[in-house]
Structures are given as C-alpha cells and as structure tokens.
Amino acid sequence: MLRLFSIEFQKLRLSRSAKVISIAYFILITFIALIASIEFNFGNVNFRVADQGIFNFPFIWHFNTYIAAILKIFLAIVIVSMMSNEYSYRTLKQNLIDGLSKKEFVLSKFVTVMGFALISTVFVFVVSVILGLSFSDYTEFGIIFSDMEYLLAYFLKLVGFFSFCLFLGVLVKRSAFAIGFLVIWWIVESIAYGVMKWRLFKDTDVADTISQFFPLSAMGNLIKEPFSRLGAVQSAATQLGESFTKSYDVQWLDGLIVIVWTALFIYGAYFILRKRDL
C-alpha cells in the first residue's frame, strides 16, 4: 500500500497544476474564517454573521463540512487530471510494463483518493477547532466533540465523489470531458428528480425515496444544508407561522449507499482498464 502511494505521490509532486489547485483548495477552506468578519448595517442595527452561532460547537461541524464540501470540485479536477495525464504521458502503459498490474494501478489511484479525502477531513477538523475555540459560546469538552459524525460524513462524501471522478477519468480519458460528463450527470439526476416529483409522483414522497439512491444525490444527502438550523432562521420562520421538521442528522442509509457506489465506481474503473486495449 505504501509503495502504491509512493508512486502516485511522486507523480503529483511533479505536477505543477495539481499542486496549485490543491493549495488553492485548502486556502479557500481557510477563507471560511472570513465569514466571521462579515457585518451588515441596517440603520442603527449591526448584524454580524459570527454572532448568529455558525461557529458554535457542535453546530460548526455541520456548517464547516457543508461549506467545505462545496469546494470539492477543485480536488475533483486534480483527480480527473491525474487520470488523463496517465493516458497523455503514457505513464499508465509504462507502469504496466514495469510490472504494476491493472488491479494495483487502480488501487494506487484509490489510495490517492483516500489520501486526499483524509487530508481534507483533518484540515477541516483543525480549522473548525480553531474557529470554534475563538468564537463558540460553548467550549465544554463534551460539547466540542459531539456531532463528530459530520466529519465522517464529509470523508465518505469526498471518497465517493472522488471515486466517481476517477471512474469518469478512466472512462473518458480527457479531464475536460470528464468534468463535463460530471455536470451532465448532475443535470440528468436533477431532471429525473423533477419529473418524478412534479409529474409522475405528485404529492408523494416516492421521488425522494427513489432519488436517494442516485450517486450524487446520496452524496448530497450525507450532509444536509445547515442554514435552516440557525436560531435567527428558526425564529423568523416561527413568526411567519412556519416550522422546519426536517432531520439534519447523518443517516446510516445514505452512508451505506455512498459506500456501495464507491465500490462500484472503483470496480468499474478496474473493469474498463482490464477490458481496454492500452
């Protein structure tokens, strides 16, 4: 395993674009801290975002993982570029000539995917702890380390998404087309959900039940939007006679679906390489 990781690390280390995009990704995650400085003035009323509790423990785990997950497209570009470069520079064929099996090749890519996801998760953890200790109203040990399942959900979400990108990179061979295919897939899922929700199964939960098994939908369901959990939003909704009854918890079924899709994507990448004439 370490040998496979070492091979991929050397390739990434020599890729300037991969280094630039990866650094940009982690810098953007640190920009979450800038949200604390956003302040609105409405006449004599000052409204500071940080005062709304977004950096309170344990809510910060939900908020930061949700925001950081939006930026995952940057590392997705690295993943598909990493795969397309194997074809462009013929390093894939050279690796196979040097004795690396196709199974080991795919495994080395998956190890890289896991590495990116793990490093990103640890980074979000560190940023969240720093922000939480700086702005949270609650700093008791038990509160700080509650709701940590959002970090696990974040890790699974990245692994699943990057595995999908890896599969597309193997399938399409060109990074631009792979990203384009990813966008098309998202559009197809959205259209399919809309047709089921508003045409085929109106006024039922059938569309939500079916769509939860779509790969991108399953990944999105792992960490639901956190904004409606904020006290200010809840108070405003109450004054308007509305209420939020949705569950914000990480559901084990969503995690299981993502794990299954991850396995299918990795096996699919291996299956394509095994059948393809390189």
Protein backbone atom coordinates (compact mmCIF):
# COMPACT_ATOMS: atom_id res chain seq x y z
CA MET A 1 0.00 0.00 0.00
CA LEU A 2 2.81 2.42 0.88
CA ARG A 3 4.55 1.50 -2.37
CA LEU A 4 1.44 2.38 -4.38
CA PHE A 5 1.01 5.65 -2.51
CA SER A 6 4.67 6.50 -3.08
CA ILE A 7 4.26 6.01 -6.84
CA GLU A 8 1.26 8.35 -7.00
CA PHE A 9 2.86 10.88 -4.68
CA GLN A 10 5.85 11.20 -7.00
CA LYS A 11 3.54 11.84 -9.94
CA LEU A 12 1.57 14.51 -8.06
CA ARG A 13 4.73 16.10 -6.71
CA LEU A 14 5.95 16.67 -10.25
CA SER A 15 2.61 18.09 -11.44
CA ARG A 16 2.55 21.85 -11.07
CA SER A 17 -1.14 22.15 -11.85
CA ALA A 18 -2.03 19.55 -9.21
CA LYS A 19 -0.02 21.42 -6.59
CA VAL A 20 -1.53 24.80 -7.48
CA ILE A 21 -5.12 23.55 -7.46
CA SER A 22 -4.64 21.59 -4.22
CA ILE A 23 -3.10 24.59 -2.46
CA ALA A 24 -5.91 26.82 -3.75
CA TYR A 25 -8.46 24.36 -2.36
CA PHE A 26 -7.02 24.39 1.14
CA ILE A 27 -6.62 28.17 1.09
CA LEU A 28 -10.29 28.54 0.16
CA ILE A 29 -11.27 26.33 3.10
CA THR A 30 -9.42 28.68 5.45
CA PHE A 31 -11.45 31.53 3.97
CA ILE A 32 -14.40 30.16 5.95
CA ALA A 33 -12.87 32.18 8.76
CA LEU A 34 -13.60 35.35 6.79
CA ILE A 35 -17.32 34.73 7.26
CA ALA A 36 -16.80 35.81 10.85
CA SER A 37 -15.83 39.31 9.69
CA ILE A 38 -18.95 39.83 7.54
CA GLU A 39 -21.09 42.55 9.07
CA PHE A 40 -24.29 44.20 7.84
CA ASN A 41 -25.59 47.56 8.93
CA PHE A 42 -29.32 48.26 8.80
CA GLY A 43 -29.75 51.77 10.12
CA ASN A 44 -28.82 51.59 13.77
CA VAL A 45 -28.73 47.79 13.78
CA ASN A 46 -25.45 45.95 13.29
CA PHE A 47 -25.65 42.34 12.14
CA ARG A 48 -22.50 40.20 12.37
CA VAL A 49 -22.63 36.73 10.86
CA ALA A 50 -20.37 35.21 13.52
CA ASP A 51 -22.85 36.28 16.21
CA GLN A 52 -25.55 34.05 14.73
CA GLY A 53 -23.94 30.93 16.15
CA ILE A 54 -22.47 29.43 12.98
CA PHE A 55 -19.17 28.83 14.79
CA ASN A 56 -20.73 27.45 17.96
CA PHE A 57 -19.89 23.90 18.94
CA PRO A 58 -21.26 21.48 17.87
CA PHE A 59 -23.07 23.29 15.01
CA ILE A 60 -19.71 24.26 13.47
CA TRP A 61 -19.07 20.64 12.46
CA HIS A 62 -22.23 20.67 10.37
CA PHE A 63 -21.66 24.15 8.92
CA ASN A 64 -17.96 23.81 8.04
CA THR A 65 -18.21 20.36 6.48
CA TYR A 66 -21.15 21.53 4.35
CA ILE A 67 -19.29 24.63 3.12
CA ALA A 68 -16.00 22.77 2.58
CA ALA A 69 -17.79 20.05 0.58
CA ILE A 70 -18.93 22.68 -1.93
CA LEU A 71 -15.27 23.30 -2.77
CA LYS A 72 -14.55 19.64 -3.52
CA ILE A 73 -14.71 20.32 -7.24
CA PHE A 74 -11.16 21.72 -7.01
CA LEU A 75 -9.74 18.39 -5.89
CA ALA A 76 -12.03 16.65 -8.39
CA ILE A 77 -10.14 18.49 -11.13
CA VAL A 78 -6.89 17.13 -9.71
CA ILE A 79 -8.31 13.58 -9.71
CA VAL A 80 -9.51 13.62 -13.32
CA SER A 81 -6.35 15.42 -14.47
CA MET A 82 -4.26 12.82 -12.68
CA MET A 83 -6.05 10.10 -14.65
CA SER A 84 -6.00 11.89 -18.01
CA ASN A 85 -2.26 12.53 -17.64
CA GLU A 86 -1.74 8.78 -17.39
CA TYR A 87 -3.04 8.48 -20.93
CA SER A 88 -1.49 11.70 -22.29
CA TYR A 89 2.02 10.96 -21.00
CA ARG A 90 1.69 7.18 -21.41
CA THR A 91 2.72 6.61 -17.81
CA LEU A 92 -0.10 4.08 -17.47
CA LYS A 93 1.43 1.83 -20.12
CA GLN A 94 4.90 2.34 -18.65
CA ASN A 95 3.68 1.39 -15.17
CA LEU A 96 2.21 -1.81 -16.57
CA ILE A 97 5.43 -2.58 -18.44
CA ASP A 98 7.37 -2.05 -15.21
CA GLY A 99 5.33 -4.77 -13.54
CA LEU A 100 2.40 -2.93 -11.98
CA SER A 101 -0.83 -4.87 -12.55
CA LYS A 102 -4.02 -3.13 -13.62
CA LYS A 103 -5.54 -4.00 -10.27
CA GLU A 104 -2.60 -2.40 -8.46
CA PHE A 105 -2.83 0.64 -10.72
CA VAL A 106 -6.49 1.24 -9.85
CA LEU A 107 -5.74 0.56 -6.20
CA SER A 108 -2.95 3.16 -6.27
CA LYS A 109 -5.45 5.73 -7.57
CA PHE A 110 -7.97 4.79 -4.90
CA VAL A 111 -5.29 5.14 -2.23
CA THR A 112 -4.67 8.66 -3.57
CA VAL A 113 -8.39 9.39 -3.41
CA MET A 114 -8.47 8.20 0.20
CA GLY A 115 -5.40 10.30 0.96
CA PHE A 116 -6.96 13.47 -0.45
CA ALA A 117 -10.18 12.83 1.48
CA LEU A 118 -8.35 12.12 4.74
CA ILE A 119 -6.06 15.16 4.49
CA SER A 120 -9.04 17.39 3.68
CA THR A 121 -11.03 15.98 6.62
CA VAL A 122 -8.15 16.55 9.05
CA PHE A 123 -7.72 20.08 7.67
CA VAL A 124 -11.41 20.90 8.15
CA PHE A 125 -11.18 19.47 11.67
CA VAL A 126 -8.25 21.75 12.56
CA VAL A 127 -9.86 24.84 11.01
CA SER A 128 -13.14 24.09 12.82
CA VAL A 129 -11.44 23.63 16.19
CA ILE A 130 -9.58 26.94 15.82
CA LEU A 131 -12.70 28.84 14.76
CA GLY A 132 -14.84 27.17 17.39
CA LEU A 133 -12.46 27.92 20.24
CA SER A 134 -12.27 31.53 19.01
CA PHE A 135 -15.99 32.23 18.54
CA SER A 136 -18.09 29.50 20.15
CA ASP A 137 -20.21 30.26 23.20
CA TYR A 138 -19.80 26.66 24.31
CA THR A 139 -16.34 25.26 24.88
CA GLU A 140 -17.01 22.35 27.22
CA PHE A 141 -15.14 19.21 26.19
CA GLY A 142 -18.28 17.12 25.78
CA ILE A 143 -19.95 19.74 23.55
CA ILE A 144 -16.86 20.32 21.41
CA PHE A 145 -16.60 16.66 20.43
CA SER A 146 -20.29 15.96 19.90
CA ASP A 147 -21.82 15.66 16.41
CA MET A 148 -18.46 14.49 15.06
CA GLU A 149 -20.33 12.22 12.64
CA TYR A 150 -20.38 15.15 10.22
CA LEU A 151 -16.64 14.72 9.75
CA LEU A 152 -17.13 11.04 8.93
CA ALA A 153 -19.91 12.01 6.51
CA TYR A 154 -17.60 14.58 4.95
CA PHE A 155 -14.88 11.96 4.50
CA LEU A 156 -17.32 9.48 2.91
CA LYS A 157 -18.70 12.21 0.66
CA LEU A 158 -15.24 13.10 -0.64
CA VAL A 159 -14.23 9.46 -1.14
CA GLY A 160 -17.43 8.76 -3.06
CA PHE A 161 -17.20 11.89 -5.18
CA PHE A 162 -13.51 11.46 -5.99
CA SER A 163 -14.10 7.79 -6.85
CA PHE A 164 -16.80 8.90 -9.29
CA CYS A 165 -14.33 11.38 -10.80
CA LEU A 166 -11.69 8.65 -11.02
CA PHE A 167 -14.15 6.39 -12.83
CA LEU A 168 -15.01 9.18 -15.28
CA GLY A 169 -11.31 9.88 -15.81
CA VAL A 170 -10.74 6.25 -16.76
CA LEU A 171 -13.88 6.14 -18.90
CA VAL A 172 -13.43 9.40 -20.84
CA LYS A 173 -9.61 9.79 -20.73
CA ARG A 174 -9.76 13.61 -21.00
CA SER A 175 -10.15 15.78 -17.90
CA ALA A 176 -12.29 18.46 -19.57
CA PHE A 177 -14.71 15.86 -20.94
CA ALA A 178 -14.77 14.04 -17.60
CA ILE A 179 -15.77 17.21 -15.74
CA GLY A 180 -18.33 17.92 -18.47
CA PHE A 181 -19.75 14.42 -18.08
CA LEU A 182 -19.97 15.02 -14.32
CA VAL A 183 -22.02 18.18 -14.89
CA ILE A 184 -24.27 16.36 -17.37
CA TRP A 185 -24.81 13.56 -14.85
CA TRP A 186 -25.84 16.12 -12.21
CA ILE A 187 -28.28 17.70 -14.67
CA VAL A 188 -29.75 14.30 -15.55
CA GLU A 189 -30.26 13.46 -11.87
CA SER A 190 -31.93 16.85 -11.30
CA ILE A 191 -34.24 16.41 -14.30
CA ALA A 192 -35.12 12.85 -13.29
CA TYR A 193 -35.99 14.03 -9.78
CA GLY A 194 -38.04 16.93 -11.12
CA VAL A 195 -40.02 14.70 -13.49
CA MET A 196 -40.78 12.23 -10.71
CA LYS A 197 -41.58 14.92 -8.15
CA TRP A 198 -43.80 17.15 -10.26
CA ARG A 199 -45.15 14.83 -12.97
CA LEU A 200 -45.08 11.11 -12.19
CA PHE A 201 -45.49 11.01 -8.39
CA LYS A 202 -47.03 14.34 -7.44
CA ASP A 203 -47.94 14.88 -3.76
CA THR A 204 -46.00 11.79 -2.64
CA ASP A 205 -42.54 11.01 -1.27
CA VAL A 206 -41.78 8.46 -4.00
CA ALA A 207 -39.43 10.82 -5.86
CA ASP A 208 -37.36 11.43 -2.70
CA THR A 209 -37.28 7.72 -1.91
CA ILE A 210 -36.01 6.82 -5.38
CA SER A 211 -33.60 9.75 -5.84
CA GLN A 212 -31.78 8.98 -2.58
CA PHE A 213 -30.18 6.06 -4.44
CA PHE A 214 -28.75 8.30 -7.18
CA PRO A 215 -24.98 8.67 -6.63
CA LEU A 216 -24.73 12.47 -6.45
CA SER A 217 -27.99 12.75 -4.51
CA ALA A 218 -26.77 10.18 -1.98
CA MET A 219 -23.54 12.14 -1.52
CA GLY A 220 -25.51 15.37 -1.12
CA ASN A 221 -27.83 13.78 1.45
CA LEU A 222 -24.91 12.86 3.70
CA ILE A 223 -24.61 16.49 4.86
CA LYS A 224 -27.86 18.41 4.56
CA GLU A 225 -27.95 22.21 4.39
CA PRO A 226 -27.35 23.70 7.85
CA PHE A 227 -28.74 27.21 7.42
CA SER A 228 -32.31 26.46 8.46
CA ARG A 229 -30.94 25.21 11.80
CA LEU A 230 -29.79 28.72 12.74
CA GLY A 231 -31.71 30.36 15.56
CA ALA A 232 -32.40 33.51 13.53
CA VAL A 233 -33.91 31.46 10.69
CA GLN A 234 -35.97 29.35 13.08
CA SER A 235 -37.29 32.47 14.83
CA ALA A 236 -38.19 34.13 11.54
CA ALA A 237 -40.00 31.00 10.38
CA THR A 238 -41.94 30.83 13.66
CA GLN A 239 -43.05 34.44 13.31
CA LEU A 240 -44.30 33.64 9.81
CA GLY A 241 -46.20 30.63 11.10
CA GLU A 242 -43.82 28.14 9.52
CA SER A 243 -41.63 25.45 11.05
CA PHE A 244 -38.81 23.15 9.93
CA THR A 245 -39.44 19.48 10.60
CA LYS A 246 -36.55 18.03 8.55
CA SER A 247 -33.88 15.88 10.12
CA TYR A 248 -30.32 17.18 9.90
CA ASP A 249 -28.71 14.02 11.26
CA VAL A 250 -26.30 11.94 9.24
CA GLN A 251 -28.28 8.88 8.13
CA TRP A 252 -26.61 5.47 8.04
CA LEU A 253 -28.54 4.54 4.87
CA ASP A 254 -27.07 7.50 2.97
CA GLY A 255 -23.59 6.45 4.09
CA LEU A 256 -24.20 2.86 3.01
CA ILE A 257 -25.44 3.98 -0.42
CA VAL A 258 -22.33 6.10 -0.93
CA ILE A 259 -20.08 3.22 0.11
CA VAL A 260 -21.79 0.91 -2.38
CA TRP A 261 -21.46 3.49 -5.18
CA THR A 262 -17.79 3.99 -4.28
CA ALA A 263 -17.16 0.25 -4.62
CA LEU A 264 -19.00 0.21 -7.96
CA PHE A 265 -17.00 3.16 -9.29
CA ILE A 266 -13.67 1.63 -8.32
CA TYR A 267 -14.62 -1.76 -9.73
CA GLY A 268 -15.96 -0.04 -12.86
CA ALA A 269 -12.62 1.73 -13.36
CA TYR A 270 -10.79 -1.58 -12.98
CA PHE A 271 -13.23 -3.36 -15.31
CA ILE A 272 -12.71 -0.74 -18.04
CA LEU A 273 -8.92 -0.93 -17.75
CA ARG A 274 -8.98 -4.71 -17.80
CA LYS A 275 -11.04 -4.81 -20.99
CA ARG A 276 -9.44 -1.84 -22.74
CA ASP A 277 -6.55 -2.27 -25.13
CA LEU A 278 -3.87 0.09 -23.81
